[in-house]
């Protein structure tokens, strides 16, 4: 079970965009994430009149490593670590993610 999933609110804890928050749009297979509004690079593109695309400098989101982000705990208003525990008994037993600071379960 991954500790950070698609749709989670995360905060960048290292690098150029330190302190920025955003939603995880995609989880890549090599421990990288695509986070909205974080780690943007400029892409110089040529115009393509056949596809009716203008040229110019576009902002493109790049992947960021999972070690450089932490999940955002909305109730504590700070970045937090995630743990995994089992809840339920017998056939209803399932893995649940929780915040380490206050033992509160994550939604989803």
PDB file of N, CA and C in Angstrom:
ATOM      1  N   UNK A   1       0.843  -1.183   0.000  1.00  0.00           N
ATOM      2  CA  UNK A   1       0.000   0.000   0.000  1.00  0.00           C
ATOM      3  C   UNK A   1       0.886   1.243   0.000  1.00  0.00           C
ATOM      4  N   UNK A   2       0.609   2.143  -0.903  1.00  0.00           N
ATOM      5  CA  UNK A   2       1.368   3.386  -0.984  1.00  0.00           C
ATOM      6  C   UNK A   2       0.890   4.360   0.082  1.00  0.00           C
ATOM      7  N   UNK A   3       1.835   5.109   0.630  1.00  0.00           N
ATOM      8  CA  UNK A   3       1.495   6.073   1.669  1.00  0.00           C
ATOM      9  C   UNK A   3       0.915   7.356   1.080  1.00  0.00           C
ATOM     10  N   UNK A   4       1.300   7.688  -0.152  1.00  0.00           N
ATOM     11  CA  UNK A   4       0.744   8.852  -0.833  1.00  0.00           C
ATOM     12  C   UNK A   4       0.069   8.369  -2.108  1.00  0.00           C
ATOM     13  N   UNK A   5      -1.185   8.777  -2.285  1.00  0.00           N
ATOM     14  CA  UNK A   5      -1.982   8.326  -3.415  1.00  0.00           C
ATOM     15  C   UNK A   5      -2.497   9.495  -4.235  1.00  0.00           C
ATOM     16  N   UNK A   6      -3.090   9.184  -5.376  1.00  0.00           N
ATOM     17  CA  UNK A   6      -3.722  10.179  -6.224  1.00  0.00           C
ATOM     18  C   UNK A   6      -4.857  10.850  -5.440  1.00  0.00           C
ATOM     19  N   UNK A   7      -4.919  12.173  -5.529  1.00  0.00           N
ATOM     20  CA  UNK A   7      -5.977  12.914  -4.847  1.00  0.00           C
ATOM     21  C   UNK A   7      -5.597  13.437  -3.470  1.00  0.00           C
ATOM     22  N   UNK A   8      -4.438  13.036  -2.950  1.00  0.00           N
ATOM     23  CA  UNK A   8      -3.981  13.515  -1.644  1.00  0.00           C
ATOM     24  C   UNK A   8      -3.452  14.941  -1.759  1.00  0.00           C
ATOM     25  N   UNK A   9      -3.666  15.717  -0.701  1.00  0.00           N
ATOM     26  CA  UNK A   9      -3.089  17.059  -0.611  1.00  0.00           C
ATOM     27  C   UNK A   9      -1.703  16.907  -0.006  1.00  0.00           C
ATOM     28  N   UNK A  10      -0.673  17.409  -0.709  1.00  0.00           N
ATOM     29  CA  UNK A  10       0.704  17.287  -0.235  1.00  0.00           C
ATOM     30  C   UNK A  10       1.354  18.661  -0.180  1.00  0.00           C
ATOM     31  N   UNK A  11       2.436  18.760   0.600  1.00  0.00           N
ATOM     32  CA  UNK A  11       3.234  19.977   0.704  1.00  0.00           C
ATOM     33  C   UNK A  11       4.679  19.604   0.396  1.00  0.00           C
ATOM     34  N   UNK A  12       5.365  20.455  -0.381  1.00  0.00           N
ATOM     35  CA  UNK A  12       6.752  20.203  -0.751  1.00  0.00           C
ATOM     36  C   UNK A  12       7.643  20.573   0.435  1.00  0.00           C
ATOM     37  N   UNK A  13       8.524  19.650   0.825  1.00  0.00           N
ATOM     38  CA  UNK A  13       9.378  19.875   1.997  1.00  0.00           C
ATOM     39  C   UNK A  13      10.841  20.110   1.617  1.00  0.00           C
ATOM     40  N   UNK A  14      11.187  19.966   0.336  1.00  0.00           N
ATOM     41  CA  UNK A  14      12.577  20.176  -0.092  1.00  0.00           C
ATOM     42  C   UNK A  14      12.592  20.638  -1.542  1.00  0.00           C
ATOM     43  N   UNK A  15      13.564  21.477  -1.862  1.00  0.00           N
ATOM     44  CA  UNK A  15      13.759  21.892  -3.242  1.00  0.00           C
ATOM     45  C   UNK A  15      13.299  23.307  -3.513  1.00  0.00           C
ATOM     46  N   UNK A  16      13.247  23.644  -4.766  1.00  0.00           N
ATOM     47  CA  UNK A  16      12.934  24.990  -5.229  1.00  0.00           C
ATOM     48  C   UNK A  16      11.529  25.440  -4.825  1.00  0.00           C
ATOM     49  N   UNK A  17      10.579  24.523  -4.799  1.00  0.00           N
ATOM     50  CA  UNK A  17       9.176  24.841  -4.500  1.00  0.00           C
ATOM     51  C   UNK A  17       8.798  24.536  -3.060  1.00  0.00           C
ATOM     52  N   UNK A  18       9.761  24.585  -2.147  1.00  0.00           N
ATOM     53  CA  UNK A  18       9.519  24.261  -0.743  1.00  0.00           C
ATOM     54  C   UNK A  18       8.409  25.136  -0.171  1.00  0.00           C
ATOM     55  N   UNK A  19       7.427  24.482   0.473  1.00  0.00           N
ATOM     56  CA  UNK A  19       6.315  25.197   1.086  1.00  0.00           C
ATOM     57  C   UNK A  19       5.052  25.224   0.245  1.00  0.00           C
ATOM     58  N   UNK A  20       5.147  24.916  -1.047  1.00  0.00           N
ATOM     59  CA  UNK A  20       3.970  24.916  -1.910  1.00  0.00           C
ATOM     60  C   UNK A  20       3.115  23.685  -1.642  1.00  0.00           C
ATOM     61  N   UNK A  21       1.790  23.881  -1.761  1.00  0.00           N
ATOM     62  CA  UNK A  21       0.860  22.765  -1.589  1.00  0.00           C
ATOM     63  C   UNK A  21       0.142  22.489  -2.905  1.00  0.00           C
ATOM     64  N   UNK A  22      -0.260  21.237  -3.109  1.00  0.00           N
ATOM     65  CA  UNK A  22      -1.004  20.875  -4.300  1.00  0.00           C
ATOM     66  C   UNK A  22      -1.566  19.473  -4.196  1.00  0.00           C
ATOM     67  N   UNK A  23      -2.453  19.138  -5.118  1.00  0.00           N
ATOM     68  CA  UNK A  23      -3.065  17.816  -5.168  1.00  0.00           C
ATOM     69  C   UNK A  23      -2.236  16.886  -6.043  1.00  0.00           C
ATOM     70  N   UNK A  24      -2.121  15.644  -5.638  1.00  0.00           N
ATOM     71  CA  UNK A  24      -1.405  14.639  -6.431  1.00  0.00           C
ATOM     72  C   UNK A  24      -2.309  14.254  -7.594  1.00  0.00           C
ATOM     73  N   UNK A  25      -1.829  14.516  -8.816  1.00  0.00           N
ATOM     74  CA  UNK A  25      -2.592  14.194 -10.023  1.00  0.00           C
ATOM     75  C   UNK A  25      -2.318  12.786 -10.517  1.00  0.00           C
ATOM     76  N   UNK A  26      -1.063  12.331 -10.342  1.00  0.00           N
ATOM     77  CA  UNK A  26      -0.678  11.014 -10.844  1.00  0.00           C
ATOM     78  C   UNK A  26       0.472  10.483 -10.022  1.00  0.00           C
ATOM     79  N   UNK A  27       0.494   9.168  -9.800  1.00  0.00           N
ATOM     80  CA  UNK A  27       1.613   8.508  -9.135  1.00  0.00           C
ATOM     81  C   UNK A  27       2.320   7.679 -10.199  1.00  0.00           C
ATOM     82  N   UNK A  28       3.603   7.966 -10.417  1.00  0.00           N
ATOM     83  CA  UNK A  28       4.377   7.245 -11.422  1.00  0.00           C
ATOM     84  C   UNK A  28       5.056   6.030 -10.794  1.00  0.00           C
ATOM     85  N   UNK A  29       5.476   5.095 -11.619  1.00  0.00           N
ATOM     86  CA  UNK A  29       6.005   3.821 -11.118  1.00  0.00           C
ATOM     87  C   UNK A  29       7.391   3.930 -10.493  1.00  0.00           C
ATOM     88  N   UNK A  30       8.118   5.010 -10.741  1.00  0.00           N
ATOM     89  CA  UNK A  30       9.486   5.124 -10.236  1.00  0.00           C
ATOM     90  C   UNK A  30       9.574   6.059  -9.027  1.00  0.00           C
ATOM     91  N   UNK A  31       8.601   5.992  -8.112  1.00  0.00           N
ATOM     92  CA  UNK A  31       8.549   6.792  -6.883  1.00  0.00           C
ATOM     93  C   UNK A  31       8.504   8.285  -7.150  1.00  0.00           C
ATOM     94  N   UNK A  32       7.890   8.691  -8.249  1.00  0.00           N
ATOM     95  CA  UNK A  32       7.708  10.097  -8.561  1.00  0.00           C
ATOM     96  C   UNK A  32       6.211  10.405  -8.597  1.00  0.00           C
ATOM     97  N   UNK A  33       5.888  11.676  -8.346  1.00  0.00           N
ATOM     98  CA  UNK A  33       4.502  12.129  -8.345  1.00  0.00           C
ATOM     99  C   UNK A  33       4.350  13.312  -9.280  1.00  0.00           C
ATOM    100  N   UNK A  34       3.161  13.479  -9.822  1.00  0.00           N
ATOM    101  CA  UNK A  34       2.812  14.688 -10.555  1.00  0.00           C
ATOM    102  C   UNK A  34       1.876  15.467  -9.635  1.00  0.00           C
ATOM    103  N   UNK A  35       2.346  16.645  -9.187  1.00  0.00           N
ATOM    104  CA  UNK A  35       1.581  17.467  -8.254  1.00  0.00           C
ATOM    105  C   UNK A  35       1.184  18.754  -8.967  1.00  0.00           C
ATOM    106  N   UNK A  36      -0.077  19.141  -8.854  1.00  0.00           N
ATOM    107  CA  UNK A  36      -0.590  20.325  -9.535  1.00  0.00           C
ATOM    108  C   UNK A  36       0.084  21.590  -9.024  1.00  0.00           C
ATOM    109  N   UNK A  37       0.637  22.374  -9.933  1.00  0.00           N
ATOM    110  CA  UNK A  37       1.231  23.656  -9.604  1.00  0.00           C
ATOM    111  C   UNK A  37       2.609  23.603  -8.979  1.00  0.00           C
ATOM    112  N   UNK A  38       3.240  22.444  -8.975  1.00  0.00           N
ATOM    113  CA  UNK A  38       4.540  22.277  -8.326  1.00  0.00           C
ATOM    114  C   UNK A  38       5.542  21.748  -9.346  1.00  0.00           C
ATOM    115  N   UNK A  39       6.799  22.199  -9.250  1.00  0.00           N
ATOM    116  CA  UNK A  39       7.898  21.749 -10.096  1.00  0.00           C
ATOM    117  C   UNK A  39       7.599  21.976 -11.577  1.00  0.00           C
ATOM    118  N   UNK A  40       7.306  23.234 -11.915  1.00  0.00           N
ATOM    119  CA  UNK A  40       7.000  23.578 -13.292  1.00  0.00           C
ATOM    120  C   UNK A  40       8.262  23.980 -14.044  1.00  0.00           C
ATOM    121  N   UNK A  41       8.351  23.555 -15.297  1.00  0.00           N
ATOM    122  CA  UNK A  41       9.481  23.889 -16.159  1.00  0.00           C
ATOM    123  C   UNK A  41       8.946  24.617 -17.389  1.00  0.00           C
ATOM    124  N   UNK A  42       9.789  25.461 -17.980  1.00  0.00           N
ATOM    125  CA  UNK A  42       9.386  26.174 -19.179  1.00  0.00           C
ATOM    126  C   UNK A  42       9.731  25.344 -20.403  1.00  0.00           C
ATOM    127  N   UNK A  43       8.758  25.229 -21.304  1.00  0.00           N
ATOM    128  CA  UNK A  43       8.927  24.449 -22.530  1.00  0.00           C
ATOM    129  C   UNK A  43       8.739  25.388 -23.704  1.00  0.00           C
ATOM    130  N   UNK A  44       9.784  25.508 -24.540  1.00  0.00           N
ATOM    131  CA  UNK A  44       9.715  26.361 -25.717  1.00  0.00           C
ATOM    132  C   UNK A  44       9.159  25.539 -26.875  1.00  0.00           C
ATOM    133  N   UNK A  45       8.019  25.956 -27.417  1.00  0.00           N
ATOM    134  CA  UNK A  45       7.374  25.188 -28.487  1.00  0.00           C
ATOM    135  C   UNK A  45       7.252  26.041 -29.751  1.00  0.00           C
ATOM    136  N   UNK A  46       7.358  25.361 -30.886  1.00  0.00           N
ATOM    137  CA  UNK A  46       7.183  26.014 -32.177  1.00  0.00           C
ATOM    138  C   UNK A  46       5.700  25.980 -32.533  1.00  0.00           C
ATOM    139  N   UNK A  47       5.232  26.976 -33.266  1.00  0.00           N
ATOM    140  CA  UNK A  47       3.826  26.938 -33.689  1.00  0.00           C
ATOM    141  C   UNK A  47       3.595  25.843 -34.731  1.00  0.00           C
ATOM    142  N   UNK A  48       2.436  25.237 -34.693  1.00  0.00           N
ATOM    143  CA  UNK A  48       2.059  24.210 -35.664  1.00  0.00           C
ATOM    144  C   UNK A  48       0.733  24.634 -36.297  1.00  0.00           C
ATOM    145  N   UNK A  49       0.780  25.264 -37.479  1.00  0.00           N
ATOM    146  CA  UNK A  49      -0.456  25.764 -38.088  1.00  0.00           C
ATOM    147  C   UNK A  49      -1.408  24.651 -38.534  1.00  0.00           C
ATOM    148  N   UNK A  50      -0.890  23.464 -38.774  1.00  0.00           N
ATOM    149  CA  UNK A  50      -1.768  22.363 -39.190  1.00  0.00           C
ATOM    150  C   UNK A  50      -2.681  21.912 -38.044  1.00  0.00           C
ATOM    151  N   UNK A  51      -2.166  21.954 -36.821  1.00  0.00           N
ATOM    152  CA  UNK A  51      -2.969  21.582 -35.647  1.00  0.00           C
ATOM    153  C   UNK A  51      -3.553  22.804 -34.941  1.00  0.00           C
ATOM    154  N   UNK A  52      -3.318  23.996 -35.542  1.00  0.00           N
ATOM    155  CA  UNK A  52      -3.809  25.253 -34.981  1.00  0.00           C
ATOM    156  C   UNK A  52      -3.278  25.495 -33.566  1.00  0.00           C
ATOM    157  N   UNK A  53      -1.998  25.170 -33.354  1.00  0.00           N
ATOM    158  CA  UNK A  53      -1.354  25.364 -32.054  1.00  0.00           C
ATOM    159  C   UNK A  53      -0.411  26.560 -32.128  1.00  0.00           C
ATOM    160  N   UNK A  54      -0.565  27.513 -31.207  1.00  0.00           N
ATOM    161  CA  UNK A  54       0.367  28.643 -31.195  1.00  0.00           C
ATOM    162  C   UNK A  54       1.700  28.242 -30.567  1.00  0.00           C
ATOM    163  N   UNK A  55       2.733  28.944 -30.924  1.00  0.00           N
ATOM    164  CA  UNK A  55       4.034  28.695 -30.325  1.00  0.00           C
ATOM    165  C   UNK A  55       4.224  29.561 -29.096  1.00  0.00           C
ATOM    166  N   UNK A  56       5.379  29.431 -28.471  1.00  0.00           N
ATOM    167  CA  UNK A  56       5.681  30.262 -27.311  1.00  0.00           C
ATOM    168  C   UNK A  56       6.293  29.457 -26.186  1.00  0.00           C
ATOM    169  N   UNK A  57       6.308  30.077 -25.026  1.00  0.00           N
ATOM    170  CA  UNK A  57       6.869  29.431 -23.840  1.00  0.00           C
ATOM    171  C   UNK A  57       5.722  28.949 -22.962  1.00  0.00           C
ATOM    172  N   UNK A  58       5.630  27.655 -22.777  1.00  0.00           N
ATOM    173  CA  UNK A  58       4.569  27.047 -21.976  1.00  0.00           C
ATOM    174  C   UNK A  58       5.130  26.533 -20.661  1.00  0.00           C
ATOM    175  N   UNK A  59       4.313  26.552 -19.612  1.00  0.00           N
ATOM    176  CA  UNK A  59       4.706  25.957 -18.336  1.00  0.00           C
ATOM    177  C   UNK A  59       4.237  24.514 -18.318  1.00  0.00           C
ATOM    178  N   UNK A  60       5.157  23.618 -18.018  1.00  0.00           N
ATOM    179  CA  UNK A  60       4.865  22.187 -18.016  1.00  0.00           C
ATOM    180  C   UNK A  60       5.212  21.633 -16.642  1.00  0.00           C
ATOM    181  N   UNK A  61       4.315  20.853 -16.041  1.00  0.00           N
ATOM    182  CA  UNK A  61       4.589  20.250 -14.738  1.00  0.00           C
ATOM    183  C   UNK A  61       5.468  19.029 -14.903  1.00  0.00           C
ATOM    184  N   UNK A  62       6.484  18.954 -14.063  1.00  0.00           N
ATOM    185  CA  UNK A  62       7.425  17.849 -14.105  1.00  0.00           C
ATOM    186  C   UNK A  62       7.243  16.988 -12.862  1.00  0.00           C
ATOM    187  N   UNK A  63       7.673  15.720 -12.910  1.00  0.00           N
ATOM    188  CA  UNK A  63       7.544  14.846 -11.740  1.00  0.00           C
ATOM    189  C   UNK A  63       8.445  15.302 -10.596  1.00  0.00           C
ATOM    190  N   UNK A  64       8.000  15.006  -9.378  1.00  0.00           N
ATOM    191  CA  UNK A  64       8.776  15.299  -8.176  1.00  0.00           C
ATOM    192  C   UNK A  64       8.873  14.011  -7.370  1.00  0.00           C
ATOM    193  N   UNK A  65      10.008  13.770  -6.751  1.00  0.00           N
ATOM    194  CA  UNK A  65      10.224  12.527  -6.012  1.00  0.00           C
ATOM    195  C   UNK A  65       9.379  12.509  -4.747  1.00  0.00           C
ATOM    196  N   UNK A  66       8.902  11.342  -4.391  1.00  0.00           N
ATOM    197  CA  UNK A  66       8.007  11.188  -3.248  1.00  0.00           C
ATOM    198  C   UNK A  66       8.683  11.562  -1.928  1.00  0.00           C
ATOM    199  N   UNK A  67      10.009  11.498  -1.861  1.00  0.00           N
ATOM    200  CA  UNK A  67      10.714  11.861  -0.640  1.00  0.00           C
ATOM    201  C   UNK A  67      10.755  13.368  -0.415  1.00  0.00           C
ATOM    202  N   UNK A  68      10.439  14.149  -1.445  1.00  0.00           N
ATOM    203  CA  UNK A  68      10.464  15.602  -1.324  1.00  0.00           C
ATOM    204  C   UNK A  68       9.106  16.203  -0.987  1.00  0.00           C
ATOM    205  N   UNK A  69       8.111  15.367  -0.731  1.00  0.00           N
ATOM    206  CA  UNK A  69       6.788  15.851  -0.340  1.00  0.00           C
ATOM    207  C   UNK A  69       6.334  15.136   0.925  1.00  0.00           C
ATOM    208  N   UNK A  70       5.435  15.804   1.656  1.00  0.00           N
ATOM    209  CA  UNK A  70       4.801  15.205   2.830  1.00  0.00           C
ATOM    210  C   UNK A  70       3.309  15.453   2.714  1.00  0.00           C
ATOM    211  N   UNK A  71       2.520  14.552   3.253  1.00  0.00           N
ATOM    212  CA  UNK A  71       1.071  14.690   3.182  1.00  0.00           C
ATOM    213  C   UNK A  71       0.626  15.819   4.106  1.00  0.00           C
ATOM    214  N   UNK A  72      -0.407  16.560   3.706  1.00  0.00           N
ATOM    215  CA  UNK A  72      -0.895  17.709   4.467  1.00  0.00           C
ATOM    216  C   UNK A  72      -2.004  17.261   5.402  1.00  0.00           C
ATOM    217  N   UNK A  73      -1.826  17.535   6.685  1.00  0.00           N
ATOM    218  CA  UNK A  73      -2.828  17.225   7.706  1.00  0.00           C
ATOM    219  C   UNK A  73      -3.674  18.474   7.908  1.00  0.00           C
ATOM    220  N   UNK A  74      -4.908  18.457   7.407  1.00  0.00           N
ATOM    221  CA  UNK A  74      -5.769  19.645   7.438  1.00  0.00           C
ATOM    222  C   UNK A  74      -6.196  19.994   8.867  1.00  0.00           C
ATOM    223  N   UNK A  75      -6.396  19.004   9.713  1.00  0.00           N
ATOM    224  CA  UNK A  75      -6.843  19.294  11.080  1.00  0.00           C
ATOM    225  C   UNK A  75      -5.728  19.921  11.916  1.00  0.00           C
ATOM    226  N   UNK A  76      -4.476  19.517  11.684  1.00  0.00           N
ATOM    227  CA  UNK A  76      -3.346  20.078  12.431  1.00  0.00           C
ATOM    228  C   UNK A  76      -2.710  21.259  11.703  1.00  0.00           C
ATOM    229  N   UNK A  77      -3.089  21.481  10.431  1.00  0.00           N
ATOM    230  CA  UNK A  77      -2.544  22.552   9.601  1.00  0.00           C
ATOM    231  C   UNK A  77      -1.022  22.476   9.474  1.00  0.00           C
ATOM    232  N   UNK A  78      -0.508  21.257   9.220  1.00  0.00           N
ATOM    233  CA  UNK A  78       0.929  21.086   9.026  1.00  0.00           C
ATOM    234  C   UNK A  78       1.195  19.816   8.220  1.00  0.00           C
ATOM    235  N   UNK A  79       2.434  19.682   7.756  1.00  0.00           N
ATOM    236  CA  UNK A  79       2.848  18.468   7.052  1.00  0.00           C
ATOM    237  C   UNK A  79       2.951  17.341   8.070  1.00  0.00           C
ATOM    238  N   UNK A  80       2.663  16.125   7.642  1.00  0.00           N
ATOM    239  CA  UNK A  80       2.637  15.008   8.582  1.00  0.00           C
ATOM    240  C   UNK A  80       3.163  13.743   7.920  1.00  0.00           C
ATOM    241  N   UNK A  81       3.527  12.779   8.758  1.00  0.00           N
ATOM    242  CA  UNK A  81       3.943  11.467   8.269  1.00  0.00           C
ATOM    243  C   UNK A  81       2.741  10.536   8.267  1.00  0.00           C
ATOM    244  N   UNK A  82       2.832   9.476   7.462  1.00  0.00           N
ATOM    245  CA  UNK A  82       1.727   8.531   7.304  1.00  0.00           C
ATOM    246  C   UNK A  82       2.147   7.164   7.792  1.00  0.00           C
ATOM    247  N   UNK A  83       1.257   6.508   8.527  1.00  0.00           N
ATOM    248  CA  UNK A  83       1.465   5.142   8.956  1.00  0.00           C
ATOM    249  C   UNK A  83       0.356   4.265   8.390  1.00  0.00           C
ATOM    250  N   UNK A  84       0.554   2.957   8.468  1.00  0.00           N
ATOM    251  CA  UNK A  84      -0.448   2.001   7.981  1.00  0.00           C
ATOM    252  C   UNK A  84      -0.750   1.022   9.094  1.00  0.00           C
ATOM    253  N   UNK A  85      -2.042   0.808   9.363  1.00  0.00           N
ATOM    254  CA  UNK A  85      -2.448  -0.144  10.390  1.00  0.00           C
ATOM    255  C   UNK A  85      -3.632  -0.963   9.879  1.00  0.00           C
ATOM    256  N   UNK A  86      -3.886  -2.074  10.552  1.00  0.00           N
ATOM    257  CA  UNK A  86      -5.008  -2.927  10.206  1.00  0.00           C
ATOM    258  C   UNK A  86      -6.190  -2.596  11.107  1.00  0.00           C
ATOM    259  N   UNK A  87      -7.396  -2.506  10.508  1.00  0.00           N
ATOM    260  CA  UNK A  87      -8.616  -2.287  11.272  1.00  0.00           C
ATOM    261  C   UNK A  87      -9.608  -3.367  10.921  1.00  0.00           C
ATOM    262  N   UNK A  88     -10.443  -3.728  11.882  1.00  0.00           N
ATOM    263  CA  UNK A  88     -11.461  -4.749  11.670  1.00  0.00           C
ATOM    264  C   UNK A  88     -10.980  -6.119  12.101  1.00  0.00           C
ATOM    265  N   UNK A  89     -11.893  -7.061  12.054  1.00  0.00           N
ATOM    266  CA  UNK A  89     -11.606  -8.433  12.459  1.00  0.00           C
ATOM    267  C   UNK A  89     -11.997  -9.400  11.351  1.00  0.00           C
ATOM    268  N   UNK A  90     -11.273 -10.487  11.244  1.00  0.00           N
ATOM    269  CA  UNK A  90     -11.591 -11.572  10.314  1.00  0.00           C
ATOM    270  C   UNK A  90     -11.664 -11.133   8.874  1.00  0.00           C
ATOM    271  N   UNK A  91     -12.837 -11.332   8.249  1.00  0.00           N
ATOM    272  CA  UNK A  91     -13.012 -11.011   6.830  1.00  0.00           C
ATOM    273  C   UNK A  91     -13.087  -9.503   6.593  1.00  0.00           C
ATOM    274  N   UNK A  92     -13.403  -8.739   7.620  1.00  0.00           N
ATOM    275  CA  UNK A  92     -13.507  -7.281   7.481  1.00  0.00           C
ATOM    276  C   UNK A  92     -12.184  -6.564   7.729  1.00  0.00           C
ATOM    277  N   UNK A  93     -11.105  -7.322   7.931  1.00  0.00           N
ATOM    278  CA  UNK A  93      -9.800  -6.728   8.211  1.00  0.00           C
ATOM    279  C   UNK A  93      -9.272  -6.027   6.966  1.00  0.00           C
ATOM    280  N   UNK A  94      -8.837  -4.751   7.140  1.00  0.00           N
ATOM    281  CA  UNK A  94      -8.320  -4.001   6.007  1.00  0.00           C
ATOM    282  C   UNK A  94      -7.244  -3.023   6.463  1.00  0.00           C
ATOM    283  N   UNK A  95      -6.380  -2.617   5.514  1.00  0.00           N
ATOM    284  CA  UNK A  95      -5.324  -1.660   5.798  1.00  0.00           C
ATOM    285  C   UNK A  95      -5.903  -0.252   5.741  1.00  0.00           C
ATOM    286  N   UNK A  96      -5.480   0.578   6.691  1.00  0.00           N
ATOM    287  CA  UNK A  96      -5.941   1.965   6.748  1.00  0.00           C
ATOM    288  C   UNK A  96      -4.737   2.872   6.962  1.00  0.00           C
ATOM    289  N   UNK A  97      -4.676   3.976   6.223  1.00  0.00           N
ATOM    290  CA  UNK A  97      -3.617   4.959   6.427  1.00  0.00           C
ATOM    291  C   UNK A  97      -4.034   5.922   7.533  1.00  0.00           C
ATOM    292  N   UNK A  98      -3.049   6.373   8.324  1.00  0.00           N
ATOM    293  CA  UNK A  98      -3.363   7.309   9.402  1.00  0.00           C
ATOM    294  C   UNK A  98      -2.220   8.295   9.583  1.00  0.00           C
ATOM    295  N   UNK A  99      -2.556   9.468  10.146  1.00  0.00           N
ATOM    296  CA  UNK A  99      -1.556  10.472  10.453  1.00  0.00           C
ATOM    297  C   UNK A  99      -0.812  10.064  11.714  1.00  0.00           C
ATOM    298  N   UNK A 100       0.523  10.180  11.689  1.00  0.00           N
ATOM    299  CA  UNK A 100       1.333   9.781  12.833  1.00  0.00           C
ATOM    300  C   UNK A 100       1.168  10.730  14.026  1.00  0.00           C
ATOM    301  N   UNK A 101       0.899  12.018  13.779  1.00  0.00           N
ATOM    302  CA  UNK A 101       0.854  12.998  14.859  1.00  0.00           C
ATOM    303  C   UNK A 101      -0.373  12.846  15.751  1.00  0.00           C
ATOM    304  N   UNK A 102      -1.537  12.534  15.164  1.00  0.00           N
ATOM    305  CA  UNK A 102      -2.759  12.474  15.968  1.00  0.00           C
ATOM    306  C   UNK A 102      -3.559  11.177  15.797  1.00  0.00           C
ATOM    307  N   UNK A 103      -2.982  10.168  15.146  1.00  0.00           N
ATOM    308  CA  UNK A 103      -3.623   8.858  14.940  1.00  0.00           C
ATOM    309  C   UNK A 103      -4.977   8.939  14.223  1.00  0.00           C
ATOM    310  N   UNK A 104      -5.211  10.002  13.486  1.00  0.00           N
ATOM    311  CA  UNK A 104      -6.458  10.198  12.761  1.00  0.00           C
ATOM    312  C   UNK A 104      -6.361   9.483  11.419  1.00  0.00           C
ATOM    313  N   UNK A 105      -7.416   8.753  11.033  1.00  0.00           N
ATOM    314  CA  UNK A 105      -7.412   8.014   9.776  1.00  0.00           C
ATOM    315  C   UNK A 105      -7.571   8.958   8.590  1.00  0.00           C
ATOM    316  N   UNK A 106      -6.898   8.648   7.496  1.00  0.00           N
ATOM    317  CA  UNK A 106      -7.026   9.427   6.266  1.00  0.00           C
ATOM    318  C   UNK A 106      -8.249   8.972   5.519  1.00  0.00           C
ATOM    319  N   UNK A 107      -8.908   9.897   4.864  1.00  0.00           N
ATOM    320  CA  UNK A 107     -10.064   9.545   4.026  1.00  0.00           C
ATOM    321  C   UNK A 107      -9.601   8.949   2.719  1.00  0.00           C
ATOM    322  N   UNK A 108     -10.323   7.933   2.234  1.00  0.00           N
ATOM    323  CA  UNK A 108      -9.989   7.375   0.925  1.00  0.00           C
ATOM    324  C   UNK A 108      -9.224   6.145   0.924  1.00  0.00           C
TER     325      UNK A 108
END
